[in-house]
Amino acid sequence: MLWTVFFFTESFVMSRVLSRVLVVTALVFMASSLYPCVAAEDVPKDRVVVMYFHRTERCPTCLRMGGYAEEAVKKGFAEEIKTGKVSFHFIDFQDEKNEKFTQGYKIQGPTLIVAQVSGTKVMRYKRLDEMWTKVRDKQDFLNYVQGEVKEYLK
């Protein structure tokens, strides 16, 4: 009798674990097919990384700038994103896990940075401080960001 209870309990637990594993696997598969990305081993040695550093809580202007920056990169460099030649990242500079980036780029407030990366080294980077003067003109903002990314792709 005790063996039967143990077996039943063990198979019940295993079936719950297996069902969770299957659900997670399905979600990962669906997400990867919806959002194609480049595997780490497929990332080109030379690439451009665009990072929008933001606070944990963002004001409407900071949300707009982050949205414009993402749009500029994703619409202007769709092919380069697919190949890993260009990437865009939102980084919460107040989150402790991002402290290395915050200190490395000397971030003290919302900042947009474009960086040229070779292998694992940042070769050069630029703070796109003019974003603050262009936030009221979306097209000017998009052109500014795209122009700077193009310069770093050369």
Foldseek 3Di string as FASTA:
>chain_A
DVVVVVVVVVVVVVVVVVVVVVVVVVVVVVVCVVDPAADPVQAAQKAKEKEWEAAPDDDPLSVLLVVLLVCLCCVLPVVCRNSNRYYYYYHHCVDPVCVVVCVVVVDDHTWMKMFIGGHHDTPDMDTLVCLVVCSVPSVVNSCSSNVVNVVSSD
